[in-house]
Amino acid sequence: MSIVTNTPTSNIGRALAVRLLVAGEHTTVMSRDKKKVDELFHRGARVVEGSFEEPALLAEALEGAEALFWLTPPPARPDYYAWAVKCARQATTAAKTAGVRRAVVLSSMGAQTGTGAVSPARETENDFGAALPAVVSLRPGIFMANFLLSTDMIASTGQIFTPLPAGRRWPLVARADIAAKAACWLFERNWSGHHRIGVHGPKDLSTDEAAANISSVLGKPVKCVETTIDQARGALTGMGMPDFIVEIILEMYVAFREGRLDQAEPRTPDTTTPTSLAEFARTTLVPAIHNVSSAASQS
């Protein structure tokens, strides 16, 4: 009996697969390219090569499986919503046919509203819940890794530009902690029913508080500057993002500003995860900023 993951090349999917393998779990990963999961193969993972969009590939991967971790990748095509819902429904059909009883679904804070990049999340949660007897939908807060998109600006100006309103606090979470939470549910065999669980990081932070955390680790001032939606559109377009991705991101920012993407799940000891923003900055963000600064000084 194996635990199957559909996105082992994503940051969360890979971290989860490593946790499963280290714990001695029989692990199956689906990947378009075996070479991209070579590390997992050598650790003992069974690799099923192909796209999880293909029903035959899903059937092969889920044969004899006891559990499935399902992550919907970020938007990469104009028909993202229809594509994501279709893939999830194919997965639930294949899982039910294979006799899979448990699934952990990576959803999102604000999934109850279904907007922007999280627009398929609510339907995905419901489809898995209708098909399988034991499903947990993890609803993480805002990824700390999003600050990596600002490394150039932090390095050059000490500023982070964001349409998130100043003064409001948000749950910020490390991707490694999301993988750890998913692993805990997959390790445990004796649960049933349908659950929606927040993953909220150690503490809600405002944008100013987040900047102060980063500044304390970086050792120089960092300031968050609130932008308008139109200014954010110009910045995203200037980064070369396709129009459909820009509009999906902006739709989410509007929802954040209007309170429609607030977490529905209260913060509890169970939803609180350990990695602080300062720790993420120390291990990941600040090294990335230093790399940018070093490259700029050598050019």
C-alpha atoms as a PDB file:
ATOM      1  CA  MET A   1       0.000   0.000   0.000  1.00  0.00           C
ATOM      2  CA  SER A   2       1.493   3.321  -1.041  1.00  0.00           C
ATOM      3  CA  ILE A   3       0.954   7.031  -0.558  1.00  0.00           C
ATOM      4  CA  VAL A   4       0.739   8.867  -3.884  1.00  0.00           C
ATOM      5  CA  THR A   5       1.720  12.475  -4.579  1.00  0.00           C
ATOM      6  CA  ASN A   6       0.859  14.242  -7.837  1.00  0.00           C
ATOM      7  CA  THR A   7       3.342  17.141  -7.769  1.00  0.00           C
ATOM      8  CA  PRO A   8       6.751  15.904  -6.543  1.00  0.00           C
ATOM      9  CA  THR A   9       8.628  18.659  -8.369  1.00  0.00           C
ATOM     10  CA  SER A  10       6.801  21.442  -6.508  1.00  0.00           C
ATOM     11  CA  ASN A  11       8.387  22.815  -3.338  1.00  0.00           C
ATOM     12  CA  ILE A  12       5.648  21.394  -1.125  1.00  0.00           C
ATOM     13  CA  GLY A  13       5.258  18.126  -3.024  1.00  0.00           C
ATOM     14  CA  ARG A  14       8.987  17.385  -2.984  1.00  0.00           C
ATOM     15  CA  ALA A  15       9.345  18.233   0.721  1.00  0.00           C
ATOM     16  CA  LEU A  16       6.381  15.977   1.489  1.00  0.00           C
ATOM     17  CA  ALA A  17       7.735  13.082  -0.591  1.00  0.00           C
ATOM     18  CA  VAL A  18      11.090  13.306   1.204  1.00  0.00           C
ATOM     19  CA  ARG A  19       9.324  13.214   4.579  1.00  0.00           C
ATOM     20  CA  LEU A  20       7.346  10.154   3.550  1.00  0.00           C
ATOM     21  CA  LEU A  21      10.436   8.330   2.289  1.00  0.00           C
ATOM     22  CA  VAL A  22      12.515   9.180   5.359  1.00  0.00           C
ATOM     23  CA  ALA A  23       9.706   7.756   7.484  1.00  0.00           C
ATOM     24  CA  GLY A  24       9.820   4.514   5.503  1.00  0.00           C
ATOM     25  CA  GLU A  25       6.491   4.966   3.749  1.00  0.00           C
ATOM     26  CA  HIS A  26       5.934   3.289   0.392  1.00  0.00           C
ATOM     27  CA  THR A  27       5.715   6.363  -1.805  1.00  0.00           C
ATOM     28  CA  THR A  28       4.590   6.791  -5.404  1.00  0.00           C
ATOM     29  CA  VAL A  29       5.221  10.007  -7.292  1.00  0.00           C
ATOM     30  CA  MET A  30       3.794  11.119 -10.627  1.00  0.00           C
ATOM     31  CA  SER A  31       6.117  13.141 -12.842  1.00  0.00           C
ATOM     32  CA  ARG A  32       6.236  14.126 -16.500  1.00  0.00           C
ATOM     33  CA  ASP A  33      10.003  13.604 -16.460  1.00  0.00           C
ATOM     34  CA  LYS A  34      11.695  10.896 -14.384  1.00  0.00           C
ATOM     35  CA  LYS A  35      14.928  12.864 -14.398  1.00  0.00           C
ATOM     36  CA  LYS A  36      13.316  15.638 -12.353  1.00  0.00           C
ATOM     37  CA  VAL A  37      12.553  13.223  -9.509  1.00  0.00           C
ATOM     38  CA  ASP A  38      15.774  11.236  -9.714  1.00  0.00           C
ATOM     39  CA  GLU A  39      16.618  12.103  -6.101  1.00  0.00           C
ATOM     40  CA  LEU A  40      13.279  10.694  -4.912  1.00  0.00           C
ATOM     41  CA  PHE A  41      13.740   7.562  -7.040  1.00  0.00           C
ATOM     42  CA  HIS A  42      17.116   6.879  -5.447  1.00  0.00           C
ATOM     43  CA  ARG A  43      15.568   7.386  -2.013  1.00  0.00           C
ATOM     44  CA  GLY A  44      13.122   4.588  -2.846  1.00  0.00           C
ATOM     45  CA  ALA A  45      10.118   6.241  -4.476  1.00  0.00           C
ATOM     46  CA  ARG A  46       8.148   4.457  -7.155  1.00  0.00           C
ATOM     47  CA  VAL A  47       8.013   6.810 -10.128  1.00  0.00           C
ATOM     48  CA  VAL A  48       5.117   6.767 -12.581  1.00  0.00           C
ATOM     49  CA  GLU A  49       6.138   8.867 -15.557  1.00  0.00           C
ATOM     50  CA  GLY A  50       3.546  10.970 -17.286  1.00  0.00           C
ATOM     51  CA  SER A  51       1.008  13.709 -16.678  1.00  0.00           C
ATOM     52  CA  PHE A  52      -1.566  13.534 -13.904  1.00  0.00           C
ATOM     53  CA  GLU A  53      -3.935  14.999 -16.501  1.00  0.00           C
ATOM     54  CA  GLU A  54      -4.108  11.516 -18.051  1.00  0.00           C
ATOM     55  CA  PRO A  55      -6.703   9.120 -16.528  1.00  0.00           C
ATOM     56  CA  ALA A  56      -4.583   6.084 -17.441  1.00  0.00           C
ATOM     57  CA  LEU A  57      -1.589   7.534 -15.597  1.00  0.00           C
ATOM     58  CA  LEU A  58      -3.742   8.221 -12.546  1.00  0.00           C
ATOM     59  CA  ALA A  59      -5.059   4.660 -12.590  1.00  0.00           C
ATOM     60  CA  GLU A  60      -1.523   3.265 -12.760  1.00  0.00           C
ATOM     61  CA  ALA A  61      -0.219   5.470  -9.966  1.00  0.00           C
ATOM     62  CA  LEU A  62      -3.169   4.798  -7.659  1.00  0.00           C
ATOM     63  CA  GLU A  63      -3.253   1.039  -8.086  1.00  0.00           C
ATOM     64  CA  GLY A  64      -2.901  -0.426  -4.592  1.00  0.00           C
ATOM     65  CA  ALA A  65      -2.658   3.031  -2.983  1.00  0.00           C
ATOM     66  CA  GLU A  66      -4.000   3.796   0.465  1.00  0.00           C
ATOM     67  CA  ALA A  67      -3.791   7.586   0.309  1.00  0.00           C
ATOM     68  CA  LEU A  68      -3.334  10.497  -2.099  1.00  0.00           C
ATOM     69  CA  PHE A  69      -1.847  13.948  -1.691  1.00  0.00           C
ATOM     70  CA  TRP A  70      -3.332  16.291  -4.280  1.00  0.00           C
ATOM     71  CA  LEU A  71      -1.923  19.723  -5.091  1.00  0.00           C
ATOM     72  CA  THR A  72      -3.340  21.880  -7.876  1.00  0.00           C
ATOM     73  CA  PRO A  73      -0.405  23.664  -9.571  1.00  0.00           C
ATOM     74  CA  PRO A  74      -0.422  27.475  -9.890  1.00  0.00           C
ATOM     75  CA  PRO A  75      -2.100  29.059 -12.915  1.00  0.00           C
ATOM     76  CA  ALA A  76      -0.219  28.398 -16.153  1.00  0.00           C
ATOM     77  CA  ARG A  77      -2.923  28.543 -18.822  1.00  0.00           C
ATOM     78  CA  PRO A  78      -5.893  30.783 -19.692  1.00  0.00           C
ATOM     79  CA  ASP A  79      -8.437  28.021 -18.987  1.00  0.00           C
ATOM     80  CA  TYR A  80      -6.921  27.399 -15.551  1.00  0.00           C
ATOM     81  CA  TYR A  81     -10.183  27.075 -13.629  1.00  0.00           C
ATOM     82  CA  ALA A  82     -11.767  24.539 -15.998  1.00  0.00           C
ATOM     83  CA  TRP A  83      -8.494  22.622 -16.310  1.00  0.00           C
ATOM     84  CA  ALA A  84      -7.908  22.417 -12.554  1.00  0.00           C
ATOM     85  CA  VAL A  85     -11.451  21.279 -11.813  1.00  0.00           C
ATOM     86  CA  LYS A  86     -11.293  18.664 -14.571  1.00  0.00           C
ATOM     87  CA  CYS A  87      -7.980  17.259 -13.291  1.00  0.00           C
ATOM     88  CA  ALA A  88      -9.268  17.059  -9.725  1.00  0.00           C
ATOM     89  CA  ARG A  89     -12.437  15.268 -10.815  1.00  0.00           C
ATOM     90  CA  GLN A  90     -10.426  12.767 -12.812  1.00  0.00           C
ATOM     91  CA  ALA A  91      -8.271  12.190  -9.747  1.00  0.00           C
ATOM     92  CA  THR A  92     -11.263  11.627  -7.458  1.00  0.00           C
ATOM     93  CA  THR A  93     -12.770   9.154  -9.921  1.00  0.00           C
ATOM     94  CA  ALA A  94      -9.494   7.251 -10.219  1.00  0.00           C
ATOM     95  CA  ALA A  95      -8.960   7.257  -6.451  1.00  0.00           C
ATOM     96  CA  LYS A  96     -12.450   5.964  -5.743  1.00  0.00           C
ATOM     97  CA  THR A  97     -12.100   3.255  -8.402  1.00  0.00           C
ATOM     98  CA  ALA A  98      -8.750   2.183  -6.922  1.00  0.00           C
ATOM     99  CA  GLY A  99     -10.215   1.916  -3.437  1.00  0.00           C
ATOM    100  CA  VAL A 100      -8.221   4.814  -1.977  1.00  0.00           C
ATOM    101  CA  ARG A 101      -9.810   5.833   1.319  1.00  0.00           C
ATOM    102  CA  ARG A 102      -7.783   8.864   2.441  1.00  0.00           C
ATOM    103  CA  ALA A 103      -6.730  12.071   0.709  1.00  0.00           C
ATOM    104  CA  VAL A 104      -4.965  15.222   1.781  1.00  0.00           C
ATOM    105  CA  VAL A 105      -5.829  18.116  -0.536  1.00  0.00           C
ATOM    106  CA  LEU A 106      -3.795  21.311  -0.601  1.00  0.00           C
ATOM    107  CA  SER A 107      -6.426  24.027  -0.701  1.00  0.00           C
ATOM    108  CA  SER A 108      -6.050  27.648   0.374  1.00  0.00           C
ATOM    109  CA  MET A 109      -7.089  30.291   2.828  1.00  0.00           C
ATOM    110  CA  GLY A 110     -10.208  31.860   1.362  1.00  0.00           C
ATOM    111  CA  ALA A 111     -11.208  28.725  -0.543  1.00  0.00           C
ATOM    112  CA  GLN A 112     -14.752  29.274   0.660  1.00  0.00           C
ATOM    113  CA  THR A 113     -15.052  32.242  -1.712  1.00  0.00           C
ATOM    114  CA  GLY A 114     -13.326  30.734  -4.765  1.00  0.00           C
ATOM    115  CA  THR A 115     -11.542  33.652  -6.432  1.00  0.00           C
ATOM    116  CA  GLY A 116      -8.372  34.250  -8.441  1.00  0.00           C
ATOM    117  CA  ALA A 117      -5.745  31.541  -8.253  1.00  0.00           C
ATOM    118  CA  VAL A 118      -7.734  29.729  -5.550  1.00  0.00           C
ATOM    119  CA  SER A 119     -10.912  29.682  -7.634  1.00  0.00           C
ATOM    120  CA  PRO A 120     -10.839  25.876  -8.160  1.00  0.00           C
ATOM    121  CA  ALA A 121     -10.145  25.134  -4.485  1.00  0.00           C
ATOM    122  CA  ARG A 122     -13.724  24.984  -3.234  1.00  0.00           C
ATOM    123  CA  GLU A 123     -14.853  22.619  -5.982  1.00  0.00           C
ATOM    124  CA  THR A 124     -11.767  20.470  -5.518  1.00  0.00           C
ATOM    125  CA  GLU A 125     -12.469  20.162  -1.792  1.00  0.00           C
ATOM    126  CA  ASN A 126     -16.098  19.232  -2.461  1.00  0.00           C
ATOM    127  CA  ASP A 127     -15.260  16.722  -5.207  1.00  0.00           C
ATOM    128  CA  PHE A 128     -12.792  14.848  -3.019  1.00  0.00           C
ATOM    129  CA  GLY A 129     -15.218  14.919  -0.117  1.00  0.00           C
ATOM    130  CA  ALA A 130     -17.976  13.438  -2.261  1.00  0.00           C
ATOM    131  CA  ALA A 131     -15.756  10.634  -3.571  1.00  0.00           C
ATOM    132  CA  LEU A 132     -13.702   9.463  -0.570  1.00  0.00           C
ATOM    133  CA  PRO A 133     -14.593   8.687   3.063  1.00  0.00           C
ATOM    134  CA  ALA A 134     -11.619  10.502   4.637  1.00  0.00           C
ATOM    135  CA  VAL A 135     -10.439  13.857   3.270  1.00  0.00           C
ATOM    136  CA  VAL A 136      -8.575  16.729   4.879  1.00  0.00           C
ATOM    137  CA  SER A 137      -8.346  20.008   2.983  1.00  0.00           C
ATOM    138  CA  LEU A 138      -5.395  22.084   4.166  1.00  0.00           C
ATOM    139  CA  ARG A 139      -6.017  25.815   3.905  1.00  0.00           C
ATOM    140  CA  PRO A 140      -2.662  27.599   4.313  1.00  0.00           C
ATOM    141  CA  GLY A 141      -2.244  31.324   4.698  1.00  0.00           C
ATOM    142  CA  ILE A 142      -0.065  33.543   2.522  1.00  0.00           C
ATOM    143  CA  PHE A 143       3.218  31.872   1.586  1.00  0.00           C
ATOM    144  CA  MET A 144       6.324  33.488   3.061  1.00  0.00           C
ATOM    145  CA  ALA A 145       8.019  32.498  -0.194  1.00  0.00           C
ATOM    146  CA  ASN A 146       6.067  35.262  -1.955  1.00  0.00           C
ATOM    147  CA  PHE A 147       8.644  37.687  -0.535  1.00  0.00           C
ATOM    148  CA  LEU A 148      11.193  36.088  -2.860  1.00  0.00           C
ATOM    149  CA  LEU A 149       9.498  37.965  -5.703  1.00  0.00           C
ATOM    150  CA  SER A 150      10.752  41.189  -4.071  1.00  0.00           C
ATOM    151  CA  THR A 151      14.423  40.279  -3.706  1.00  0.00           C
ATOM    152  CA  ASP A 152      15.543  42.687  -6.449  1.00  0.00           C
ATOM    153  CA  MET A 153      13.653  45.624  -4.929  1.00  0.00           C
ATOM    154  CA  ILE A 154      14.783  44.852  -1.396  1.00  0.00           C
ATOM    155  CA  ALA A 155      18.389  44.617  -2.578  1.00  0.00           C
ATOM    156  CA  SER A 156      18.280  47.848  -4.572  1.00  0.00           C
ATOM    157  CA  THR A 157      15.876  50.089  -2.638  1.00  0.00           C
ATOM    158  CA  GLY A 158      15.041  48.377   0.663  1.00  0.00           C
ATOM    159  CA  GLN A 159      11.369  48.386  -0.299  1.00  0.00           C
ATOM    160  CA  ILE A 160       8.604  45.828  -0.817  1.00  0.00           C
ATOM    161  CA  PHE A 161       5.682  46.985  -2.946  1.00  0.00           C
ATOM    162  CA  THR A 162       2.348  45.264  -2.303  1.00  0.00           C
ATOM    163  CA  PRO A 163      -1.369  46.000  -2.783  1.00  0.00           C
ATOM    164  CA  LEU A 164      -2.107  44.355   0.571  1.00  0.00           C
ATOM    165  CA  PRO A 165      -3.562  47.023   2.877  1.00  0.00           C
ATOM    166  CA  ALA A 166      -1.279  48.268   5.621  1.00  0.00           C
ATOM    167  CA  GLY A 167      -2.471  47.736   9.192  1.00  0.00           C
ATOM    168  CA  ARG A 168      -4.242  44.437   8.624  1.00  0.00           C
ATOM    169  CA  ARG A 169      -2.617  41.237   9.824  1.00  0.00           C
ATOM    170  CA  TRP A 170      -2.310  38.052   7.764  1.00  0.00           C
ATOM    171  CA  PRO A 171      -1.273  34.479   8.521  1.00  0.00           C
ATOM    172  CA  LEU A 172       2.121  33.916   6.863  1.00  0.00           C
ATOM    173  CA  VAL A 173       3.295  30.326   6.511  1.00  0.00           C
ATOM    174  CA  ALA A 174       6.424  28.507   5.331  1.00  0.00           C
ATOM    175  CA  ARG A 175       5.962  25.909   2.598  1.00  0.00           C
ATOM    176  CA  ALA A 176       8.005  23.383   4.592  1.00  0.00           C
ATOM    177  CA  ASP A 177       5.467  23.612   7.409  1.00  0.00           C
ATOM    178  CA  ILE A 178       2.621  22.907   4.976  1.00  0.00           C
ATOM    179  CA  ALA A 179       4.426  19.765   3.834  1.00  0.00           C
ATOM    180  CA  ALA A 180       4.949  18.758   7.468  1.00  0.00           C
ATOM    181  CA  LYS A 181       1.253  19.214   8.240  1.00  0.00           C
ATOM    182  CA  ALA A 182       0.281  17.130   5.195  1.00  0.00           C
ATOM    183  CA  ALA A 183       2.713  14.403   6.297  1.00  0.00           C
ATOM    184  CA  CYS A 184       1.155  14.246   9.766  1.00  0.00           C
ATOM    185  CA  TRP A 185      -2.263  13.521   8.278  1.00  0.00           C
ATOM    186  CA  LEU A 186      -0.856  10.964   5.860  1.00  0.00           C
ATOM    187  CA  PHE A 187       1.103   9.156   8.578  1.00  0.00           C
ATOM    188  CA  GLU A 188      -2.038   8.785  10.695  1.00  0.00           C
ATOM    189  CA  ARG A 189      -4.281   5.947   9.511  1.00  0.00           C
ATOM    190  CA  ASN A 190      -7.072   6.127  12.083  1.00  0.00           C
ATOM    191  CA  TRP A 191      -9.136   9.101  10.995  1.00  0.00           C
ATOM    192  CA  SER A 192     -12.211   9.509   8.870  1.00  0.00           C
ATOM    193  CA  GLY A 193     -14.658  12.160   7.777  1.00  0.00           C
ATOM    194  CA  HIS A 194     -14.074  15.457   6.031  1.00  0.00           C
ATOM    195  CA  HIS A 195     -11.986  18.218   7.582  1.00  0.00           C
ATOM    196  CA  ARG A 196     -10.926  21.739   6.611  1.00  0.00           C
ATOM    197  CA  ILE A 197      -7.781  22.697   8.496  1.00  0.00           C
ATOM    198  CA  GLY A 198      -6.024  26.055   8.530  1.00  0.00           C
ATOM    199  CA  VAL A 199      -2.224  26.242   8.323  1.00  0.00           C
ATOM    200  CA  HIS A 200      -1.398  29.647   9.736  1.00  0.00           C
ATOM    201  CA  GLY A 201       2.284  29.978  10.600  1.00  0.00           C
ATOM    202  CA  PRO A 202       3.305  31.074  14.109  1.00  0.00           C
ATOM    203  CA  LYS A 203       1.755  34.554  14.120  1.00  0.00           C
ATOM    204  CA  ASP A 204      -0.378  36.886  12.006  1.00  0.00           C
ATOM    205  CA  LEU A 205       1.643  39.850  10.750  1.00  0.00           C
ATOM    206  CA  SER A 206       0.889  43.135   9.038  1.00  0.00           C
ATOM    207  CA  THR A 207       2.988  44.177   6.070  1.00  0.00           C
ATOM    208  CA  ASP A 208       4.861  46.653   8.283  1.00  0.00           C
ATOM    209  CA  GLU A 209       5.556  43.944  10.866  1.00  0.00           C
ATOM    210  CA  ALA A 210       6.733  41.605   8.126  1.00  0.00           C
ATOM    211  CA  ALA A 211       9.122  44.282   6.825  1.00  0.00           C
ATOM    212  CA  ALA A 212      10.459  44.802  10.352  1.00  0.00           C
ATOM    213  CA  ASN A 213      11.145  41.082  10.696  1.00  0.00           C
ATOM    214  CA  ILE A 214      13.017  41.008   7.415  1.00  0.00           C
ATOM    215  CA  SER A 215      14.908  44.187   8.277  1.00  0.00           C
ATOM    216  CA  SER A 216      16.089  42.747  11.608  1.00  0.00           C
ATOM    217  CA  VAL A 217      17.622  39.745   9.861  1.00  0.00           C
ATOM    218  CA  LEU A 218      18.978  41.637   6.851  1.00  0.00           C
ATOM    219  CA  GLY A 219      20.572  44.275   9.050  1.00  0.00           C
ATOM    220  CA  LYS A 220      19.303  47.266   7.093  1.00  0.00           C
ATOM    221  CA  PRO A 221      15.939  49.043   6.838  1.00  0.00           C
ATOM    222  CA  VAL A 222      13.189  47.421   4.803  1.00  0.00           C
ATOM    223  CA  LYS A 223       9.856  49.121   4.227  1.00  0.00           C
ATOM    224  CA  CYS A 224       6.566  47.852   2.796  1.00  0.00           C
ATOM    225  CA  VAL A 225       4.875  50.328   0.465  1.00  0.00           C
ATOM    226  CA  GLU A 226       1.170  49.915  -0.272  1.00  0.00           C
ATOM    227  CA  THR A 227       0.375  50.262  -3.960  1.00  0.00           C
ATOM    228  CA  THR A 228      -2.848  50.603  -5.891  1.00  0.00           C
ATOM    229  CA  ILE A 229      -4.224  47.761  -7.966  1.00  0.00           C
ATOM    230  CA  ASP A 230      -3.318  49.645 -11.152  1.00  0.00           C
ATOM    231  CA  GLN A 231       0.252  50.096  -9.946  1.00  0.00           C
ATOM    232  CA  ALA A 232       0.424  46.370  -9.194  1.00  0.00           C
ATOM    233  CA  ARG A 233      -0.887  45.623 -12.686  1.00  0.00           C
ATOM    234  CA  GLY A 234       1.874  47.717 -14.219  1.00  0.00           C
ATOM    235  CA  ALA A 235       4.540  46.010 -12.096  1.00  0.00           C
ATOM    236  CA  LEU A 236       3.343  42.495 -12.907  1.00  0.00           C
ATOM    237  CA  THR A 237       3.064  43.287 -16.606  1.00  0.00           C
ATOM    238  CA  GLY A 238       6.545  44.775 -16.477  1.00  0.00           C
ATOM    239  CA  MET A 239       7.833  41.468 -15.108  1.00  0.00           C
ATOM    240  CA  GLY A 240       6.651  39.835 -18.322  1.00  0.00           C
ATOM    241  CA  MET A 241       3.710  37.940 -16.877  1.00  0.00           C
ATOM    242  CA  PRO A 242       0.960  36.949 -19.346  1.00  0.00           C
ATOM    243  CA  ASP A 243      -2.203  39.019 -19.067  1.00  0.00           C
ATOM    244  CA  PHE A 244      -4.324  36.113 -17.818  1.00  0.00           C
ATOM    245  CA  ILE A 245      -1.944  35.489 -14.901  1.00  0.00           C
ATOM    246  CA  VAL A 246      -1.821  39.196 -14.081  1.00  0.00           C
ATOM    247  CA  GLU A 247      -5.623  39.326 -13.899  1.00  0.00           C
ATOM    248  CA  ILE A 248      -5.813  36.202 -11.715  1.00  0.00           C
ATOM    249  CA  ILE A 249      -3.306  37.678  -9.259  1.00  0.00           C
ATOM    250  CA  LEU A 250      -5.047  41.048  -9.184  1.00  0.00           C
ATOM    251  CA  GLU A 251      -8.400  39.374  -8.608  1.00  0.00           C
ATOM    252  CA  MET A 252      -6.911  37.853  -5.476  1.00  0.00           C
ATOM    253  CA  TYR A 253      -5.476  41.164  -4.293  1.00  0.00           C
ATOM    254  CA  VAL A 254      -8.865  42.819  -4.697  1.00  0.00           C
ATOM    255  CA  ALA A 255     -10.421  40.006  -2.677  1.00  0.00           C
ATOM    256  CA  PHE A 256      -7.771  40.441   0.029  1.00  0.00           C
ATOM    257  CA  ARG A 257      -8.462  44.172   0.201  1.00  0.00           C
ATOM    258  CA  GLU A 258     -12.206  43.546   0.477  1.00  0.00           C
ATOM    259  CA  GLY A 259     -11.829  40.837   3.126  1.00  0.00           C
ATOM    260  CA  ARG A 260     -13.180  38.053   0.925  1.00  0.00           C
ATOM    261  CA  LEU A 261     -10.012  35.973   1.221  1.00  0.00           C
ATOM    262  CA  ASP A 262      -9.737  36.087   4.997  1.00  0.00           C
ATOM    263  CA  GLN A 263      -9.247  32.732   6.648  1.00  0.00           C
ATOM    264  CA  ALA A 264     -12.485  31.009   7.636  1.00  0.00           C
ATOM    265  CA  GLU A 265     -10.663  28.795  10.124  1.00  0.00           C
ATOM    266  CA  PRO A 266      -9.738  30.341  13.498  1.00  0.00           C
ATOM    267  CA  ARG A 267      -6.145  30.234  14.675  1.00  0.00           C
ATOM    268  CA  THR A 268      -5.694  27.389  17.153  1.00  0.00           C
ATOM    269  CA  PRO A 269      -2.682  25.457  18.491  1.00  0.00           C
ATOM    270  CA  ASP A 270      -3.379  22.894  15.755  1.00  0.00           C
ATOM    271  CA  THR A 271      -3.319  25.446  12.915  1.00  0.00           C
ATOM    272  CA  THR A 272      -0.230  27.231  14.252  1.00  0.00           C
ATOM    273  CA  THR A 273       3.014  26.082  12.636  1.00  0.00           C
ATOM    274  CA  PRO A 274       6.574  26.713  13.868  1.00  0.00           C
ATOM    275  CA  THR A 275       8.633  28.490  11.201  1.00  0.00           C
ATOM    276  CA  SER A 276       8.709  32.239  11.839  1.00  0.00           C
ATOM    277  CA  LEU A 277       9.168  34.851   9.142  1.00  0.00           C
ATOM    278  CA  ALA A 278      12.496  35.772  10.758  1.00  0.00           C
ATOM    279  CA  GLU A 279      13.657  32.163  10.404  1.00  0.00           C
ATOM    280  CA  PHE A 280      12.494  32.043   6.781  1.00  0.00           C
ATOM    281  CA  ALA A 281      14.326  35.312   6.147  1.00  0.00           C
ATOM    282  CA  ARG A 282      17.511  33.954   7.746  1.00  0.00           C
ATOM    283  CA  THR A 283      17.564  30.665   5.845  1.00  0.00           C
ATOM    284  CA  THR A 284      16.026  31.617   2.499  1.00  0.00           C
ATOM    285  CA  LEU A 285      15.121  35.241   1.795  1.00  0.00           C
ATOM    286  CA  VAL A 286      18.216  37.086   2.979  1.00  0.00           C
ATOM    287  CA  PRO A 287      20.622  34.698   1.177  1.00  0.00           C
ATOM    288  CA  ALA A 288      18.597  35.345  -2.001  1.00  0.00           C
ATOM    289  CA  ILE A 289      18.868  39.107  -1.436  1.00  0.00           C
ATOM    290  CA  HIS A 290      22.630  38.837  -0.892  1.00  0.00           C
ATOM    291  CA  ASN A 291      22.947  36.856  -4.131  1.00  0.00           C
ATOM    292  CA  VAL A 292      21.147  39.630  -6.011  1.00  0.00           C
ATOM    293  CA  SER A 293      23.360  42.290  -4.436  1.00  0.00           C
ATOM    294  CA  SER A 294      26.496  40.308  -5.215  1.00  0.00           C
ATOM    295  CA  ALA A 295      25.490  39.812  -8.850  1.00  0.00           C
ATOM    296  CA  ALA A 296      24.704  43.513  -9.214  1.00  0.00           C
ATOM    297  CA  SER A 297      28.099  44.523  -7.804  1.00  0.00           C
ATOM    298  CA  GLN A 298      29.915  42.247 -10.266  1.00  0.00           C
ATOM    299  CA  SER A 299      28.034  43.436 -13.346  1.00  0.00           C
END
